[in-house]
Every structure is written in C-alpha cells, then in structure tokens.
Amino acid sequence: MYVCICNAIRECELRRAARATDGDADRVYETLGKRPQCRQCLDDAEDILNEERETSLVMALAAA
C-alpha cells in the first residue's frame, strides 16, 4: 500500500526504515532520499513508524 503518493513510498519501505532509522517521519523520508511535499501523509507515516518500532521492541524484549 502506498502511504505517500507524492513520493511513491510504500508502507513496507516505511516499516523497514523505521527499524533502521531513529526520528520522525521527516527524518525517515530524508533517509529514503525523499521530502514530504503535500504533507498529508505524515500522520499516517508517524503511526506506521511508531507501530513498527513498538513491535520491534516487544520482539527484542521477548527474545531476551
């Protein structure tokens, strides 16, 4: 699913970047070589980043 139509950023790309990059959606977009344009996607992107990071943390704690 596309999260950002302006930059053609898919949900899977955001999830992968969330595991590799700290920071908010603006920072993650930067690491992807993109810039938010219309900015309508940022709330959804933040939700996806937070969800992915939470899931990764829970999995890491469970493995410890």
Protein backbone atom coordinates (compact mmCIF):
# COMPACT_ATOMS: atom_id res chain seq x y z
CA MET A 1 0.00 0.00 0.00
CA TYR A 2 1.26 3.49 -0.79
CA VAL A 3 1.46 5.77 2.22
CA CYS A 4 2.91 8.74 0.36
CA ILE A 5 1.54 9.19 -3.13
CA CYS A 6 3.72 12.24 -3.89
CA ASN A 7 6.91 10.24 -3.34
CA ALA A 8 5.57 6.74 -4.08
CA ILE A 9 6.61 5.49 -0.62
CA ARG A 10 5.08 2.18 0.33
CA GLU A 11 4.18 1.02 3.81
CA CYS A 12 6.80 -1.75 3.65
CA GLU A 13 9.51 0.84 2.92
CA LEU A 14 8.46 2.89 5.93
CA ARG A 15 8.46 -0.18 8.17
CA ARG A 16 11.94 -1.17 7.01
CA ALA A 17 13.19 2.39 7.53
CA ALA A 18 11.60 2.54 10.99
CA ARG A 19 13.77 -0.38 12.08
CA ALA A 20 16.94 1.24 10.71
CA THR A 21 16.38 4.93 11.47
CA ASP A 22 15.52 6.96 14.53
CA GLY A 23 13.44 10.08 14.29
CA ASP A 24 10.15 11.26 12.98
CA ALA A 25 8.61 10.87 9.55
CA ASP A 26 10.54 13.85 8.17
CA ARG A 27 13.83 12.19 9.18
CA VAL A 28 12.80 8.82 7.76
CA TYR A 29 11.76 10.42 4.48
CA GLU A 30 15.19 12.08 4.36
CA THR A 31 16.94 8.72 4.77
CA LEU A 32 14.83 7.43 1.88
CA GLY A 33 16.07 10.34 -0.21
CA LYS A 34 12.63 11.98 -0.25
CA ARG A 35 10.97 15.10 1.14
CA PRO A 36 7.35 15.39 2.20
CA GLN A 37 5.60 17.50 -0.38
CA CYS A 38 1.91 17.97 0.38
CA ARG A 39 2.46 16.60 3.94
CA GLN A 40 -0.94 14.87 4.07
CA CYS A 41 0.72 11.50 4.64
CA LEU A 42 2.80 12.44 7.68
CA ASP A 43 0.25 11.48 10.35
CA ASP A 44 -0.23 8.05 8.79
CA ALA A 45 3.53 7.69 8.33
CA GLU A 46 4.13 8.53 12.01
CA ASP A 47 1.56 5.93 13.05
CA ILE A 48 3.28 3.28 10.94
CA LEU A 49 6.72 4.19 12.26
CA ASN A 50 5.55 4.07 15.87
CA GLU A 51 3.75 0.77 15.35
CA GLU A 52 6.77 -0.84 13.71
CA ARG A 53 9.17 0.39 16.37
CA GLU A 54 6.86 -0.81 19.14
CA THR A 55 6.58 -4.24 17.53
CA SER A 56 10.35 -4.45 17.10
CA LEU A 57 10.90 -3.51 20.75
CA VAL A 58 8.42 -6.10 22.01
CA MET A 59 10.03 -8.79 19.86
CA ALA A 60 13.52 -7.85 21.11
CA LEU A 61 12.38 -7.96 24.73
CA ALA A 62 10.69 -11.31 24.20
CA ALA A 63 13.87 -12.74 22.68
CA ALA A 64 16.00 -11.58 25.65
